[in-house]
Amino acid sequence: VDELGRGTSNRDGASLAWATAERLALQPQTFTLFATHYLQLANLRNLYPSHVRTLVLGVEPTESRLRFLYAVQEGVASKRSYLTDFLAEIAGVPPSVCATAKRLSQAIDFDPVDKPSARTRTLEACCLVAERLVWLRRS
C-alpha cells in the first residue's frame, strides 16, 4: 500500500492509513508492505509488536550532504528534515527559500512517535496483555 490517504488533510489521511494498516496487521497470515509519511503509524509497532515492524531506507547525513545506503533497515524515519536540510537544495530550490523552510520546519516541529498520548500508552498495555493471552491460549 503506497501513501494511502495522500492528498487529504493530515488528520484524515493519517486516520485512514492507521485504520487500514491496523486492519491488515490483524488479519491472519497477511503480509503487507505499507509505505507512508505519517509518522504516527509507527506507534502501531508498539501496539502490535508481534505483527508490525517498521522499516526505513537507510541514509547517512553529514554536514553537507546525504549518503544514500540503498538498504532497508529496522527503524522509523528520522525526525530530521532531509528536505529542508539537503533535498530542496539538490533540486535547485534557492538557498534563501531553503533557509526559510528550515526555520519554519523547526518552529512547527512535533514528535508524534516519541510522545504517545496517555490513551495510546493504555492501548499499548491492553494490546500487549491481549497478545500474550492469545499466545498462551495457542501454546
C-alpha atoms as a PDB file:
ATOM      1  CA  VAL A   1       0.000   0.000   0.000  1.00  0.00           C
ATOM      2  CA  ASP A   2       1.672   3.224  -1.123  1.00  0.00           C
ATOM      3  CA  GLU A   3       0.856   6.563   0.534  1.00  0.00           C
ATOM      4  CA  LEU A   4      -2.774   5.801   1.420  1.00  0.00           C
ATOM      5  CA  GLY A   5      -4.531   9.000   2.470  1.00  0.00           C
ATOM      6  CA  ARG A   6      -2.225  11.263   0.498  1.00  0.00           C
ATOM      7  CA  GLY A   7      -3.979  14.299  -0.909  1.00  0.00           C
ATOM      8  CA  THR A   8      -6.255  14.696   2.106  1.00  0.00           C
ATOM      9  CA  SER A   9      -5.754  16.616   5.332  1.00  0.00           C
ATOM     10  CA  ASN A  10      -3.032  15.220   7.599  1.00  0.00           C
ATOM     11  CA  ARG A  11      -5.610  14.173  10.181  1.00  0.00           C
ATOM     12  CA  ASP A  12      -7.886  12.431   7.667  1.00  0.00           C
ATOM     13  CA  GLY A  13      -5.007  10.822   5.799  1.00  0.00           C
ATOM     14  CA  ALA A  14      -3.318   9.548   8.952  1.00  0.00           C
ATOM     15  CA  SER A  15      -6.639   8.243  10.297  1.00  0.00           C
ATOM     16  CA  LEU A  16      -7.430   6.359   7.093  1.00  0.00           C
ATOM     17  CA  ALA A  17      -3.903   4.977   6.840  1.00  0.00           C
ATOM     18  CA  TRP A  18      -3.908   3.923  10.523  1.00  0.00           C
ATOM     19  CA  ALA A  19      -7.279   2.159  10.309  1.00  0.00           C
ATOM     20  CA  THR A  20      -6.257   0.330   7.138  1.00  0.00           C
ATOM     21  CA  ALA A  21      -2.816  -0.669   8.419  1.00  0.00           C
ATOM     22  CA  GLU A  22      -4.264  -1.863  11.722  1.00  0.00           C
ATOM     23  CA  ARG A  23      -6.929  -3.930   9.964  1.00  0.00           C
ATOM     24  CA  LEU A  24      -4.337  -5.530   7.684  1.00  0.00           C
ATOM     25  CA  ALA A  25      -1.948  -6.178  10.584  1.00  0.00           C
ATOM     26  CA  LEU A  26      -4.608  -8.137  12.436  1.00  0.00           C
ATOM     27  CA  GLN A  27      -5.599 -10.350   9.509  1.00  0.00           C
ATOM     28  CA  PRO A  28      -4.227 -13.876   9.978  1.00  0.00           C
ATOM     29  CA  GLN A  29      -1.310 -14.796   7.715  1.00  0.00           C
ATOM     30  CA  THR A  30      -1.287 -11.447   5.932  1.00  0.00           C
ATOM     31  CA  PHE A  31       1.928  -9.790   4.810  1.00  0.00           C
ATOM     32  CA  THR A  32       1.615  -6.141   3.846  1.00  0.00           C
ATOM     33  CA  LEU A  33       4.186  -3.558   2.893  1.00  0.00           C
ATOM     34  CA  PHE A  34       2.825  -0.142   3.819  1.00  0.00           C
ATOM     35  CA  ALA A  35       4.660   3.000   2.643  1.00  0.00           C
ATOM     36  CA  THR A  36       3.695   6.257   4.347  1.00  0.00           C
ATOM     37  CA  HIS A  37       4.932   9.637   5.531  1.00  0.00           C
ATOM     38  CA  TYR A  38       2.549   9.591   8.514  1.00  0.00           C
ATOM     39  CA  LEU A  39       4.986   9.070  11.386  1.00  0.00           C
ATOM     40  CA  GLN A  40       2.072   8.414  13.752  1.00  0.00           C
ATOM     41  CA  LEU A  41       1.680   4.975  12.164  1.00  0.00           C
ATOM     42  CA  ALA A  42       4.976   3.911  13.730  1.00  0.00           C
ATOM     43  CA  ASN A  43       3.043   3.631  17.003  1.00  0.00           C
ATOM     44  CA  LEU A  44       1.365   0.524  15.570  1.00  0.00           C
ATOM     45  CA  ARG A  45       4.625  -1.330  16.260  1.00  0.00           C
ATOM     46  CA  ASN A  46       4.143  -0.558  19.955  1.00  0.00           C
ATOM     47  CA  LEU A  47       0.521  -1.668  19.924  1.00  0.00           C
ATOM     48  CA  TYR A  48       1.140  -4.861  17.940  1.00  0.00           C
ATOM     49  CA  PRO A  49       4.809  -5.779  18.391  1.00  0.00           C
ATOM     50  CA  SER A  50       4.373  -9.329  17.096  1.00  0.00           C
ATOM     51  CA  HIS A  51       2.504  -8.146  13.987  1.00  0.00           C
ATOM     52  CA  VAL A  52       4.097  -4.851  12.925  1.00  0.00           C
ATOM     53  CA  ARG A  53       7.672  -3.915  12.071  1.00  0.00           C
ATOM     54  CA  THR A  54       8.876  -0.509  10.978  1.00  0.00           C
ATOM     55  CA  LEU A  55      11.496  -0.257   8.260  1.00  0.00           C
ATOM     56  CA  VAL A  56      13.281   2.640   6.591  1.00  0.00           C
ATOM     57  CA  LEU A  57      15.651   3.153   3.707  1.00  0.00           C
ATOM     58  CA  GLY A  58      18.989   3.983   5.260  1.00  0.00           C
ATOM     59  CA  VAL A  59      20.729   7.312   4.839  1.00  0.00           C
ATOM     60  CA  GLU A  60      23.811   8.762   6.488  1.00  0.00           C
ATOM     61  CA  PRO A  61      23.636  12.534   6.781  1.00  0.00           C
ATOM     62  CA  THR A  62      26.810  14.569   7.036  1.00  0.00           C
ATOM     63  CA  GLU A  63      27.148  18.313   7.469  1.00  0.00           C
ATOM     64  CA  SER A  64      26.907  18.955   3.751  1.00  0.00           C
ATOM     65  CA  ARG A  65      25.200  16.022   2.067  1.00  0.00           C
ATOM     66  CA  LEU A  66      23.249  12.788   2.323  1.00  0.00           C
ATOM     67  CA  ARG A  67      24.757   9.413   1.590  1.00  0.00           C
ATOM     68  CA  PHE A  68      22.035   7.039   0.425  1.00  0.00           C
ATOM     69  CA  LEU A  69      22.722   3.492   1.645  1.00  0.00           C
ATOM     70  CA  TYR A  70      20.175   1.745  -0.613  1.00  0.00           C
ATOM     71  CA  ALA A  71      19.420  -0.680   2.205  1.00  0.00           C
ATOM     72  CA  VAL A  72      16.276  -1.425   4.197  1.00  0.00           C
ATOM     73  CA  GLN A  73      16.822  -1.138   7.955  1.00  0.00           C
ATOM     74  CA  GLU A  74      14.741  -1.553  11.105  1.00  0.00           C
ATOM     75  CA  GLY A  75      13.544   1.766  12.434  1.00  0.00           C
ATOM     76  CA  VAL A  76      11.467   4.868  11.872  1.00  0.00           C
ATOM     77  CA  ALA A  77      12.259   7.784   9.613  1.00  0.00           C
ATOM     78  CA  SER A  78      14.453  10.382  11.222  1.00  0.00           C
ATOM     79  CA  LYS A  79      12.826  13.435  12.737  1.00  0.00           C
ATOM     80  CA  ARG A  80      15.448  15.466  10.916  1.00  0.00           C
ATOM     81  CA  SER A  81      14.061  17.125   7.830  1.00  0.00           C
ATOM     82  CA  TYR A  82      16.191  15.987   4.935  1.00  0.00           C
ATOM     83  CA  LEU A  83      14.003  18.006   2.589  1.00  0.00           C
ATOM     84  CA  THR A  84      14.898  21.340   4.145  1.00  0.00           C
ATOM     85  CA  ASP A  85      18.450  20.284   5.029  1.00  0.00           C
ATOM     86  CA  PHE A  86      19.536  18.779   1.715  1.00  0.00           C
ATOM     87  CA  LEU A  87      16.990  17.702  -0.868  1.00  0.00           C
ATOM     88  CA  ALA A  88      15.460  21.076  -1.703  1.00  0.00           C
ATOM     89  CA  GLU A  89      18.905  22.495  -2.484  1.00  0.00           C
ATOM     90  CA  ILE A  90      19.784  19.438  -4.580  1.00  0.00           C
ATOM     91  CA  ALA A  91      16.550  20.042  -6.521  1.00  0.00           C
ATOM     92  CA  GLY A  92      17.589  23.634  -7.206  1.00  0.00           C
ATOM     93  CA  VAL A  93      15.378  25.488  -4.735  1.00  0.00           C
ATOM     94  CA  PRO A  94      17.016  28.859  -3.949  1.00  0.00           C
ATOM     95  CA  PRO A  95      19.083  28.861  -0.724  1.00  0.00           C
ATOM     96  CA  SER A  96      17.014  31.706   0.786  1.00  0.00           C
ATOM     97  CA  VAL A  97      13.818  29.674   0.349  1.00  0.00           C
ATOM     98  CA  CYS A  98      15.542  26.610   1.836  1.00  0.00           C
ATOM     99  CA  ALA A  99      16.680  28.639   4.858  1.00  0.00           C
ATOM    100  CA  THR A 100      13.150  29.952   5.466  1.00  0.00           C
ATOM    101  CA  ALA A 101      11.696  26.452   5.066  1.00  0.00           C
ATOM    102  CA  LYS A 102      14.217  25.078   7.559  1.00  0.00           C
ATOM    103  CA  ARG A 103      13.320  27.729  10.162  1.00  0.00           C
ATOM    104  CA  LEU A 104       9.604  27.047   9.683  1.00  0.00           C
ATOM    105  CA  SER A 105      10.133  23.298   9.915  1.00  0.00           C
ATOM    106  CA  GLN A 106      11.939  23.684  13.240  1.00  0.00           C
ATOM    107  CA  ALA A 107       9.291  26.089  14.564  1.00  0.00           C
ATOM    108  CA  ILE A 108       6.401  23.697  13.920  1.00  0.00           C
ATOM    109  CA  ASP A 109       8.293  20.516  14.745  1.00  0.00           C
ATOM    110  CA  PHE A 110       6.457  17.952  16.853  1.00  0.00           C
ATOM    111  CA  ASP A 111       7.105  14.304  17.526  1.00  0.00           C
ATOM    112  CA  PRO A 112       4.025  12.076  17.296  1.00  0.00           C
ATOM    113  CA  VAL A 113       6.152   8.917  17.556  1.00  0.00           C
ATOM    114  CA  ASP A 114       8.213   9.550  20.683  1.00  0.00           C
ATOM    115  CA  LYS A 115       5.474  11.192  22.747  1.00  0.00           C
ATOM    116  CA  PRO A 116       2.422   8.928  22.678  1.00  0.00           C
ATOM    117  CA  SER A 117      -0.679  10.128  24.461  1.00  0.00           C
ATOM    118  CA  ALA A 118      -1.938   8.569  27.687  1.00  0.00           C
ATOM    119  CA  ARG A 119      -4.662   6.857  25.648  1.00  0.00           C
ATOM    120  CA  THR A 120      -2.049   5.372  23.314  1.00  0.00           C
ATOM    121  CA  ARG A 121       0.004   4.098  26.261  1.00  0.00           C
ATOM    122  CA  THR A 122      -3.126   2.494  27.748  1.00  0.00           C
ATOM    123  CA  LEU A 123      -3.972   0.865  24.414  1.00  0.00           C
ATOM    124  CA  GLU A 124      -0.385  -0.385  24.110  1.00  0.00           C
ATOM    125  CA  ALA A 125      -0.613  -2.047  27.520  1.00  0.00           C
ATOM    126  CA  CYS A 126      -4.009  -3.606  26.726  1.00  0.00           C
ATOM    127  CA  CYS A 127      -2.764  -4.923  23.388  1.00  0.00           C
ATOM    128  CA  LEU A 128       0.314  -6.471  24.961  1.00  0.00           C
ATOM    129  CA  VAL A 129      -1.839  -8.266  27.527  1.00  0.00           C
ATOM    130  CA  ALA A 130      -4.260  -9.418  24.824  1.00  0.00           C
ATOM    131  CA  GLU A 131      -1.423 -10.669  22.603  1.00  0.00           C
ATOM    132  CA  ARG A 132       0.077 -12.615  25.475  1.00  0.00           C
ATOM    133  CA  LEU A 133      -3.282 -14.166  26.363  1.00  0.00           C
ATOM    134  CA  VAL A 134      -3.813 -15.251  22.755  1.00  0.00           C
ATOM    135  CA  TRP A 135      -0.274 -16.641  22.636  1.00  0.00           C
ATOM    136  CA  LEU A 136      -0.835 -18.588  25.879  1.00  0.00           C
ATOM    137  CA  ARG A 137      -4.129 -19.973  24.596  1.00  0.00           C
ATOM    138  CA  ARG A 138      -2.461 -21.218  21.415  1.00  0.00           C
ATOM    139  CA  SER A 139       0.532 -22.772  23.201  1.00  0.00           C
END
